[in-house]
């Protein structure tokens, strides 16, 4: 019985590692689309084409993301903002966005 539990835990851990690896591929695709957007102006279309492709849907699924149209629209919106993924995931950027949102809400009230 303990071998079964150890094997299940190992398989779960391997699955989590695999999901993280595919999530990194999604982040790299976003960064590439942002770079294309700055250089050529077609970043949102580029990420949408990738996300709707067979490979893109497979990568999104393996990353634990349901490859539906809502996700594609979210990816396009993210690329349209032009903020690199490393910056968007940083604590400083998150704090800055929250402060800007609070200032906006206070101004509106």
N, C-alpha and C. Protein backbone atom coordinates (compact mmCIF):
# COMPACT_ATOMS: atom_id res chain seq x y z
N UNK A 1 0.83 -1.20 0.00
CA UNK A 1 0.00 0.00 0.00
C UNK A 1 0.86 1.25 0.00
N UNK A 2 1.94 1.23 0.79
CA UNK A 2 2.78 2.42 0.87
C UNK A 2 3.50 2.68 -0.46
N UNK A 3 3.79 1.62 -1.22
CA UNK A 3 4.40 1.81 -2.54
C UNK A 3 3.44 2.52 -3.48
N UNK A 4 2.16 2.19 -3.39
CA UNK A 4 1.15 2.84 -4.22
C UNK A 4 1.06 4.33 -3.90
N UNK A 5 1.07 4.66 -2.60
CA UNK A 5 0.99 6.05 -2.18
C UNK A 5 2.24 6.81 -2.64
N UNK A 6 3.39 6.21 -2.48
CA UNK A 6 4.64 6.85 -2.93
C UNK A 6 4.62 7.07 -4.43
N UNK A 7 4.14 6.08 -5.18
CA UNK A 7 4.07 6.21 -6.63
C UNK A 7 3.09 7.29 -7.05
N UNK A 8 1.96 7.37 -6.37
CA UNK A 8 0.96 8.40 -6.69
C UNK A 8 1.51 9.78 -6.38
N UNK A 9 2.18 9.93 -5.24
CA UNK A 9 2.77 11.22 -4.88
C UNK A 9 3.84 11.62 -5.88
N UNK A 10 4.65 10.65 -6.31
CA UNK A 10 5.69 10.94 -7.29
C UNK A 10 5.08 11.38 -8.61
N UNK A 11 4.03 10.67 -9.05
CA UNK A 11 3.37 11.03 -10.32
C UNK A 11 2.74 12.41 -10.23
N UNK A 12 2.13 12.74 -9.10
CA UNK A 12 1.53 14.05 -8.91
C UNK A 12 2.61 15.14 -8.99
N UNK A 13 3.73 14.88 -8.33
CA UNK A 13 4.83 15.86 -8.33
C UNK A 13 5.38 16.05 -9.75
N UNK A 14 5.52 14.97 -10.49
CA UNK A 14 5.98 15.06 -11.87
C UNK A 14 4.98 15.85 -12.72
N UNK A 15 3.69 15.63 -12.49
CA UNK A 15 2.67 16.37 -13.22
C UNK A 15 2.74 17.86 -12.93
N UNK A 16 2.98 18.21 -11.67
CA UNK A 16 3.10 19.62 -11.30
C UNK A 16 4.31 20.25 -11.98
N UNK A 17 5.42 19.54 -12.02
CA UNK A 17 6.61 20.05 -12.70
C UNK A 17 6.35 20.25 -14.19
N UNK A 18 5.67 19.30 -14.79
CA UNK A 18 5.34 19.41 -16.20
C UNK A 18 4.44 20.61 -16.46
N UNK A 19 3.46 20.83 -15.60
CA UNK A 19 2.54 21.96 -15.75
C UNK A 19 3.30 23.28 -15.65
N UNK A 20 4.26 23.36 -14.73
CA UNK A 20 5.07 24.58 -14.58
C UNK A 20 5.92 24.82 -15.83
N UNK A 21 6.44 23.74 -16.40
CA UNK A 21 7.25 23.87 -17.61
C UNK A 21 6.41 24.42 -18.76
N UNK A 22 5.21 23.91 -18.92
CA UNK A 22 4.34 24.39 -20.00
C UNK A 22 3.86 25.81 -19.72
N UNK A 23 3.67 26.16 -18.45
CA UNK A 23 3.31 27.54 -18.11
C UNK A 23 4.44 28.50 -18.50
N UNK A 24 5.68 28.05 -18.35
CA UNK A 24 6.82 28.87 -18.77
C UNK A 24 6.82 29.07 -20.29
N UNK A 25 6.39 28.07 -21.02
CA UNK A 25 6.29 28.20 -22.48
C UNK A 25 5.22 29.24 -22.84
N UNK A 26 4.11 29.23 -22.11
CA UNK A 26 3.05 30.23 -22.35
C UNK A 26 3.58 31.63 -22.07
N UNK A 27 4.33 31.80 -20.97
CA UNK A 27 4.90 33.10 -20.65
C UNK A 27 5.89 33.55 -21.72
N UNK A 28 6.68 32.62 -22.24
CA UNK A 28 7.62 32.96 -23.32
C UNK A 28 6.86 33.38 -24.58
N UNK A 29 5.76 32.70 -24.88
CA UNK A 29 4.96 33.07 -26.05
C UNK A 29 4.38 34.47 -25.87
N UNK A 30 3.94 34.79 -24.65
CA UNK A 30 3.44 36.14 -24.38
C UNK A 30 4.53 37.19 -24.57
N UNK A 31 5.72 36.91 -24.05
CA UNK A 31 6.83 37.85 -24.21
C UNK A 31 7.19 38.04 -25.68
N UNK A 32 7.16 36.96 -26.44
CA UNK A 32 7.44 37.07 -27.88
C UNK A 32 6.39 37.92 -28.57
N UNK A 33 5.14 37.73 -28.21
CA UNK A 33 4.06 38.52 -28.82
C UNK A 33 4.18 39.99 -28.44
N UNK A 34 4.58 40.27 -27.20
CA UNK A 34 4.78 41.66 -26.77
C UNK A 34 5.91 42.29 -27.55
N UNK A 35 6.99 41.54 -27.76
CA UNK A 35 8.11 42.05 -28.56
C UNK A 35 7.67 42.31 -29.99
N UNK A 36 6.87 41.41 -30.56
CA UNK A 36 6.34 41.61 -31.91
C UNK A 36 5.45 42.84 -31.97
N UNK A 37 4.68 43.04 -30.90
CA UNK A 37 3.78 44.19 -30.86
C UNK A 37 4.57 45.49 -30.87
N UNK A 38 5.66 45.53 -30.14
CA UNK A 38 6.48 46.74 -30.09
C UNK A 38 7.22 46.97 -31.41
N UNK A 39 7.61 45.86 -32.05
CA UNK A 39 8.40 45.97 -33.28
C UNK A 39 7.52 46.12 -34.52
N UNK A 40 6.48 45.30 -34.62
CA UNK A 40 5.67 45.28 -35.84
C UNK A 40 4.23 45.75 -35.64
N UNK A 41 3.79 45.81 -34.39
CA UNK A 41 2.42 46.25 -34.11
C UNK A 41 1.36 45.19 -34.27
N UNK A 42 1.77 43.91 -34.31
CA UNK A 42 0.79 42.83 -34.51
C UNK A 42 0.81 41.80 -33.39
N UNK A 43 1.17 42.20 -32.18
CA UNK A 43 1.30 41.27 -31.06
C UNK A 43 0.02 40.55 -30.68
N UNK A 44 -1.09 41.28 -30.48
CA UNK A 44 -2.33 40.58 -30.10
C UNK A 44 -2.79 39.56 -31.14
N UNK A 45 -2.65 39.91 -32.42
CA UNK A 45 -3.04 38.96 -33.47
C UNK A 45 -2.12 37.74 -33.46
N UNK A 46 -0.83 37.99 -33.16
CA UNK A 46 0.16 36.90 -33.14
C UNK A 46 -0.16 35.90 -32.02
N UNK A 47 -0.46 36.40 -30.82
CA UNK A 47 -0.75 35.49 -29.71
C UNK A 47 -2.08 34.78 -29.93
N UNK A 48 -3.04 35.47 -30.55
CA UNK A 48 -4.33 34.83 -30.83
C UNK A 48 -4.14 33.70 -31.84
N UNK A 49 -3.34 33.94 -32.87
CA UNK A 49 -3.10 32.89 -33.87
C UNK A 49 -2.42 31.69 -33.21
N UNK A 50 -1.44 31.96 -32.33
CA UNK A 50 -0.75 30.87 -31.64
C UNK A 50 -1.71 30.12 -30.72
N UNK A 51 -2.49 30.84 -29.93
CA UNK A 51 -3.38 30.20 -28.96
C UNK A 51 -4.47 29.38 -29.64
N UNK A 52 -4.86 29.76 -30.84
CA UNK A 52 -5.90 29.01 -31.57
C UNK A 52 -5.32 27.86 -32.38
N UNK A 53 -4.00 27.84 -32.54
CA UNK A 53 -3.37 26.76 -33.30
C UNK A 53 -3.40 25.46 -32.50
N UNK A 54 -3.16 24.37 -33.17
CA UNK A 54 -3.16 23.07 -32.51
C UNK A 54 -2.07 23.02 -31.44
N UNK A 55 -0.87 23.50 -31.77
CA UNK A 55 0.23 23.50 -30.79
C UNK A 55 -0.08 24.40 -29.61
N UNK A 56 -0.64 25.57 -29.89
CA UNK A 56 -0.98 26.49 -28.81
C UNK A 56 -2.01 25.92 -27.87
N UNK A 57 -3.05 25.30 -28.43
CA UNK A 57 -4.08 24.68 -27.59
C UNK A 57 -3.49 23.56 -26.75
N UNK A 58 -2.59 22.80 -27.34
CA UNK A 58 -1.95 21.70 -26.60
C UNK A 58 -1.10 22.24 -25.45
N UNK A 59 -0.32 23.28 -25.71
CA UNK A 59 0.53 23.87 -24.67
C UNK A 59 -0.33 24.47 -23.56
N UNK A 60 -1.37 25.20 -23.93
CA UNK A 60 -2.26 25.77 -22.93
C UNK A 60 -2.91 24.67 -22.08
N UNK A 61 -3.35 23.61 -22.69
CA UNK A 61 -3.96 22.50 -21.95
C UNK A 61 -2.96 21.87 -21.00
N UNK A 62 -1.75 21.65 -21.47
CA UNK A 62 -0.72 21.05 -20.62
C UNK A 62 -0.31 21.98 -19.47
N UNK A 63 -0.50 23.28 -19.66
CA UNK A 63 -0.20 24.24 -18.60
C UNK A 63 -1.36 24.36 -17.62
N UNK A 64 -2.44 23.65 -17.87
CA UNK A 64 -3.59 23.70 -16.98
C UNK A 64 -4.54 24.84 -17.29
N UNK A 65 -4.46 25.37 -18.51
CA UNK A 65 -5.31 26.48 -18.94
C UNK A 65 -6.28 25.95 -20.00
N UNK A 66 -7.56 26.20 -19.80
CA UNK A 66 -8.56 25.76 -20.76
C UNK A 66 -8.46 26.64 -22.01
N UNK A 67 -8.14 26.07 -23.17
CA UNK A 67 -7.92 26.88 -24.37
C UNK A 67 -9.21 27.31 -25.05
N UNK A 68 -9.97 28.19 -24.41
CA UNK A 68 -11.22 28.66 -25.01
C UNK A 68 -11.06 30.11 -25.49
N UNK A 69 -12.10 30.63 -26.07
CA UNK A 69 -12.03 31.97 -26.67
C UNK A 69 -11.84 33.06 -25.62
N UNK A 70 -12.39 32.84 -24.44
CA UNK A 70 -12.21 33.80 -23.35
C UNK A 70 -10.73 33.93 -22.97
N UNK A 71 -10.04 32.81 -22.94
CA UNK A 71 -8.61 32.81 -22.65
C UNK A 71 -7.85 33.54 -23.75
N UNK A 72 -8.21 33.28 -25.00
CA UNK A 72 -7.55 33.94 -26.13
C UNK A 72 -7.72 35.46 -26.02
N UNK A 73 -8.94 35.90 -25.68
CA UNK A 73 -9.18 37.34 -25.53
C UNK A 73 -8.35 37.91 -24.38
N UNK A 74 -8.22 37.17 -23.30
CA UNK A 74 -7.40 37.62 -22.18
C UNK A 74 -5.94 37.73 -22.56
N UNK A 75 -5.44 36.75 -23.32
CA UNK A 75 -4.05 36.81 -23.78
C UNK A 75 -3.83 38.01 -24.69
N UNK A 76 -4.79 38.26 -25.57
CA UNK A 76 -4.68 39.41 -26.48
C UNK A 76 -4.69 40.72 -25.70
N UNK A 77 -5.54 40.80 -24.68
CA UNK A 77 -5.60 42.01 -23.86
C UNK A 77 -4.28 42.22 -23.11
N UNK A 78 -3.72 41.13 -22.59
CA UNK A 78 -2.45 41.23 -21.87
C UNK A 78 -1.34 41.73 -22.78
N UNK A 79 -1.27 41.16 -23.99
CA UNK A 79 -0.25 41.59 -24.95
C UNK A 79 -0.47 43.04 -25.34
N UNK A 80 -1.71 43.44 -25.49
CA UNK A 80 -2.03 44.81 -25.86
C UNK A 80 -1.55 45.83 -24.85
N UNK A 81 -1.50 45.42 -23.57
CA UNK A 81 -1.02 46.34 -22.53
C UNK A 81 0.48 46.58 -22.65
N UNK A 82 1.20 45.63 -23.22
CA UNK A 82 2.63 45.81 -23.47
C UNK A 82 3.53 45.66 -22.27
N UNK A 83 3.05 45.07 -21.19
CA UNK A 83 3.86 44.87 -19.99
C UNK A 83 4.46 43.47 -20.05
N UNK A 84 5.79 43.38 -20.00
CA UNK A 84 6.46 42.08 -20.05
C UNK A 84 6.00 41.22 -18.88
N UNK A 85 6.02 39.91 -19.07
CA UNK A 85 5.53 39.00 -18.05
C UNK A 85 6.36 39.07 -16.77
N UNK A 86 7.67 39.24 -16.90
CA UNK A 86 8.51 39.31 -15.71
C UNK A 86 8.16 40.54 -14.87
N UNK A 87 7.81 41.62 -15.53
CA UNK A 87 7.43 42.85 -14.83
C UNK A 87 6.03 42.68 -14.23
N UNK A 88 5.13 42.11 -15.00
CA UNK A 88 3.75 41.94 -14.54
C UNK A 88 3.67 41.02 -13.33
N UNK A 89 4.58 40.07 -13.23
CA UNK A 89 4.57 39.12 -12.12
C UNK A 89 5.36 39.61 -10.91
N UNK A 90 6.02 40.74 -11.04
CA UNK A 90 6.84 41.23 -9.93
C UNK A 90 5.98 41.90 -8.86
N UNK A 91 6.47 41.91 -7.66
CA UNK A 91 5.74 42.50 -6.54
C UNK A 91 5.62 44.01 -6.69
N UNK A 92 6.68 44.66 -7.18
CA UNK A 92 6.66 46.11 -7.32
C UNK A 92 5.57 46.55 -8.29
N UNK A 93 5.45 45.85 -9.39
CA UNK A 93 4.43 46.20 -10.39
C UNK A 93 3.03 45.99 -9.82
N UNK A 94 2.87 44.90 -9.07
CA UNK A 94 1.57 44.64 -8.46
C UNK A 94 1.20 45.73 -7.46
N UNK A 95 2.15 46.15 -6.66
CA UNK A 95 1.89 47.22 -5.69
C UNK A 95 1.59 48.54 -6.40
N UNK A 96 2.30 48.81 -7.49
CA UNK A 96 2.07 50.05 -8.23
C UNK A 96 0.67 50.06 -8.84
N UNK A 97 0.25 48.92 -9.42
CA UNK A 97 -1.09 48.84 -10.00
C UNK A 97 -2.17 48.99 -8.94
N UNK A 98 -1.96 48.37 -7.78
CA UNK A 98 -2.94 48.49 -6.70
C UNK A 98 -3.04 49.93 -6.20
N UNK A 99 -1.89 50.61 -6.09
CA UNK A 99 -1.90 52.00 -5.65
C UNK A 99 -2.61 52.88 -6.67
N UNK A 100 -2.39 52.63 -7.96
CA UNK A 100 -3.05 53.41 -9.01
C UNK A 100 -4.55 53.15 -8.99
N UNK A 101 -4.95 51.92 -8.74
CA UNK A 101 -6.37 51.59 -8.69
C UNK A 101 -7.04 52.27 -7.49
N UNK A 102 -6.37 52.25 -6.36
CA UNK A 102 -6.93 52.90 -5.17
C UNK A 102 -7.04 54.42 -5.38
N UNK A 103 -6.03 55.00 -6.02
CA UNK A 103 -6.07 56.45 -6.30
C UNK A 103 -7.23 56.77 -7.26
N UNK A 104 -7.44 55.90 -8.23
CA UNK A 104 -8.54 56.06 -9.19
C UNK A 104 -9.89 56.01 -8.49
N UNK A 105 -10.03 55.06 -7.57
CA UNK A 105 -11.28 54.88 -6.84
C UNK A 105 -11.53 56.07 -5.91
N UNK A 106 -10.48 56.56 -5.27
CA UNK A 106 -10.62 57.72 -4.38
C UNK A 106 -11.00 58.97 -5.16
N UNK A 107 -10.43 59.08 -6.36
CA UNK A 107 -10.73 60.24 -7.22
C UNK A 107 -12.19 60.19 -7.71
N UNK A 108 -12.68 58.99 -7.99
CA UNK A 108 -14.03 58.83 -8.48
C UNK A 108 -15.08 59.08 -7.38
N UNK A 109 -14.68 58.85 -6.15
CA UNK A 109 -15.65 59.00 -5.04
C UNK A 109 -15.82 60.41 -4.57
